[in-house]
């Protein structure tokens, strides 16, 4: 599962850049600015990563249907997990 980290704690900012982010190709460990927000490719995470993170009380989990993306919010970042 591919993971992209978005360095913001603002859900509105994430929502604003999400369409662009979903069409942006990032190389492994590449970092870019999208509308002033830093995003980076965090590589692949194991399949059980979502379950581990869901069990932590400080993590919020969101899902999108199309495309299917799992979004984890914790600390000052969002992690987008793509199948």
Protein backbone atom coordinates (compact mmCIF):
# COMPACT_ATOMS: atom_id res chain seq x y z
CA UNK A 1 0.00 0.00 0.00
CA UNK A 2 1.46 3.36 -1.05
CA UNK A 3 1.59 6.17 1.53
CA UNK A 4 1.72 9.91 0.85
CA UNK A 5 2.19 12.28 3.78
CA UNK A 6 0.56 15.72 3.74
CA UNK A 7 2.11 18.11 6.25
CA UNK A 8 -0.89 20.03 7.54
CA UNK A 9 -3.38 19.59 10.35
CA UNK A 10 -6.02 21.56 8.46
CA UNK A 11 -8.72 19.38 6.86
CA UNK A 12 -9.86 22.27 4.64
CA UNK A 13 -6.34 22.60 3.17
CA UNK A 14 -6.24 18.87 2.52
CA UNK A 15 -9.66 18.99 0.84
CA UNK A 16 -8.54 21.90 -1.33
CA UNK A 17 -5.42 20.14 -2.64
CA UNK A 18 -6.80 16.57 -2.74
CA UNK A 19 -7.87 16.62 -6.43
CA UNK A 20 -4.40 17.84 -7.45
CA UNK A 21 -2.68 15.46 -5.07
CA UNK A 22 -4.54 12.46 -6.47
CA UNK A 23 -3.22 13.18 -9.97
CA UNK A 24 0.33 14.06 -8.89
CA UNK A 25 2.96 11.39 -9.42
CA UNK A 26 5.62 11.36 -6.73
CA UNK A 27 8.82 9.36 -6.88
CA UNK A 28 9.87 7.44 -3.77
CA UNK A 29 10.82 9.90 -0.99
CA UNK A 30 10.07 12.87 -3.28
CA UNK A 31 8.72 16.03 -1.65
CA UNK A 32 6.63 18.71 -3.40
CA UNK A 33 4.65 21.83 -2.57
CA UNK A 34 1.01 21.91 -3.66
CA UNK A 35 -0.64 25.28 -3.04
CA UNK A 36 1.83 25.95 -0.22
CA UNK A 37 1.34 22.56 1.48
CA UNK A 38 4.24 20.11 1.60
CA UNK A 39 3.48 16.58 0.46
CA UNK A 40 5.89 13.67 0.22
CA UNK A 41 5.96 10.07 -0.85
CA UNK A 42 6.51 7.92 2.23
CA UNK A 43 6.92 4.68 0.31
CA UNK A 44 4.99 1.51 0.98
CA UNK A 45 3.43 0.50 4.29
CA UNK A 46 2.41 -3.01 5.34
CA UNK A 47 -1.22 -4.10 4.99
CA UNK A 48 -1.72 -4.17 8.78
CA UNK A 49 -0.62 -0.52 9.15
CA UNK A 50 -4.20 0.78 9.01
CA UNK A 51 -5.34 -1.57 11.78
CA UNK A 52 -2.39 -0.59 13.98
CA UNK A 53 -3.08 3.11 13.49
CA UNK A 54 -6.87 2.75 14.00
CA UNK A 55 -6.25 1.35 17.47
CA UNK A 56 -4.50 4.55 18.61
CA UNK A 57 -6.82 7.11 20.25
CA UNK A 58 -5.03 10.10 18.69
CA UNK A 59 -5.61 8.90 15.11
CA UNK A 60 -8.68 9.83 13.06
CA UNK A 61 -9.51 7.61 10.09
CA UNK A 62 -11.34 8.85 7.00
CA UNK A 63 -12.20 7.06 3.75
CA UNK A 64 -12.95 8.21 0.23
CA UNK A 65 -14.93 6.06 -2.18
CA UNK A 66 -13.74 7.26 -5.55
CA UNK A 67 -10.86 6.78 -5.73
CA UNK A 68 -10.58 4.47 -2.73
CA UNK A 69 -8.19 6.18 -0.33
CA UNK A 70 -7.78 5.74 3.41
CA UNK A 71 -6.77 8.94 5.19
CA UNK A 72 -5.18 8.88 8.63
CA UNK A 73 -4.91 12.11 10.61
CA UNK A 74 -2.55 12.33 13.55
CA UNK A 75 -0.34 15.00 15.04
CA UNK A 76 0.14 17.63 12.33
CA UNK A 77 -0.08 15.35 9.30
CA UNK A 78 -2.45 13.41 7.13
CA UNK A 79 -1.35 10.11 5.63
CA UNK A 80 -3.08 9.02 2.45
CA UNK A 81 -2.97 5.29 1.81
CA UNK A 82 -3.59 4.03 -1.72
CA UNK A 83 -4.24 0.36 -2.54
